Protein backbone atom coordinates (compact mmCIF):
# COMPACT_ATOMS: atom_id res chain seq x y z
CA MET A 1 208.54 142.81 42.79
CA THR A 2 210.95 140.84 40.62
CA ILE A 3 209.91 138.60 37.77
CA SER A 4 210.72 135.53 39.85
CA HIS A 5 208.07 136.44 42.41
CA LYS A 6 205.42 136.88 39.73
CA LEU A 7 205.95 133.50 38.06
CA GLU A 8 204.32 130.87 40.19
CA GLY A 9 201.98 127.96 39.55
CA GLU A 10 200.15 128.11 36.25
CA ALA A 11 201.89 131.33 35.21
CA LEU A 12 205.28 129.60 35.44
CA GLU A 13 204.00 126.57 33.54
CA SER A 14 202.56 128.75 30.79
CA GLU A 15 205.75 130.80 30.50
CA LEU A 16 207.94 127.68 30.41
CA LYS A 17 205.79 126.00 27.77
CA GLY A 18 205.82 129.16 25.65
CA LEU A 19 209.56 129.44 26.04
CA ILE A 20 210.06 125.81 24.93
CA ALA A 21 207.81 126.36 21.90
CA ASP A 22 209.66 129.56 20.94
CA VAL A 23 213.19 128.19 21.32
CA LEU A 24 212.49 124.85 19.64
CA GLY A 25 210.12 126.15 16.99
CA LEU A 26 207.31 123.87 18.16
CA ASP A 27 203.62 124.45 17.60
CA PRO A 28 202.44 126.26 20.76
CA ALA A 29 199.59 123.75 21.11
CA GLN A 30 202.13 120.91 21.22
CA ALA A 31 204.04 122.62 24.03
CA GLN A 32 200.83 123.49 25.93
CA ALA A 33 199.94 119.78 25.92
CA PHE A 34 203.12 118.86 27.82
CA GLY A 35 202.53 117.11 31.12
CA PRO A 36 205.00 116.18 33.87
CA GLY A 37 206.05 112.97 32.08
CA SER A 38 206.38 114.47 28.60
CA GLY A 39 209.82 113.63 27.26
CA LEU A 40 212.15 116.43 26.25
CA PHE A 41 215.85 115.71 25.65
CA GLY A 42 216.15 112.44 23.76
CA HIS A 43 212.44 112.54 22.88
CA LEU A 44 212.06 115.78 20.92
CA PRO A 45 214.31 115.86 17.85
CA GLU A 46 214.27 119.68 18.06
CA LEU A 47 215.95 119.56 21.50
CA ASP A 48 219.46 118.54 20.59
CA SER A 49 222.64 119.48 22.41
CA MET A 50 222.86 122.78 20.49
CA ALA A 51 219.28 123.72 21.41
CA VAL A 52 219.89 123.03 25.12
CA ALA A 53 222.17 126.07 25.40
CA GLY A 54 219.55 128.28 23.76
CA LEU A 55 216.82 126.90 25.99
CA LEU A 56 218.81 127.51 29.17
CA THR A 57 219.79 131.02 28.09
CA GLU A 58 216.18 131.87 27.31
CA MET A 59 215.11 130.47 30.71
CA GLU A 60 217.61 132.78 32.40
CA ASP A 61 216.36 135.78 30.44
CA ARG A 62 212.62 135.19 30.74
CA LEU A 63 212.49 133.76 34.25
CA GLY A 64 215.13 136.03 35.76
CA ILE A 65 217.25 133.16 37.06
CA VAL A 66 220.93 132.23 36.85
CA ILE A 67 221.78 128.71 35.73
CA GLU A 68 225.27 127.53 36.61
CA ASP A 69 227.01 124.81 34.60
CA ASP A 70 226.87 122.55 37.66
CA ASP A 71 223.05 122.89 37.73
CA VAL A 72 222.62 121.23 34.34
CA ASP A 73 222.17 117.48 34.17
CA GLY A 74 220.32 114.96 32.06
CA GLU A 75 217.60 114.43 34.66
CA MET A 76 216.41 118.05 34.60
CA LEU A 77 216.16 117.96 30.79
CA GLU A 78 214.66 114.48 30.44
CA THR A 79 211.02 115.46 31.03
CA TYR A 80 208.91 118.60 31.13
CA GLY A 81 208.21 117.87 34.81
CA GLY A 82 211.93 117.77 35.54
CA LEU A 83 212.52 121.08 33.80
CA LEU A 84 209.55 122.66 35.58
CA ALA A 85 210.78 121.42 38.97
CA PHE A 86 214.22 122.83 38.20
CA ALA A 87 212.74 126.23 37.23
CA ARG A 88 210.62 126.29 40.41
CA ALA A 89 213.63 125.48 42.58
CA LYS A 90 215.70 128.24 40.95
CA LEU A 91 212.90 130.77 41.42
CA GLU A 92 212.56 129.84 45.10
CA ALA A 93 216.30 130.01 45.77
């Protein structure tokens, strides 16, 4: 079983929140409190254009996915819900 098959539902959410906290240096409790509408890019000063590359690379490594340049847009990074939906779609592909 690959990592992508293991990360579903709450496990994926927990992993993604932990990943965001690690990459951005956030308090884990702050990341765990994220909901679907929680703002990311443009809302968190820690998530600037330089941090986006690190976040996406870490997502590839931890989630076992491949993110192409064409996959990345402002909508997927705008909210936690958008990033989670993107991760789910990549894992299901």
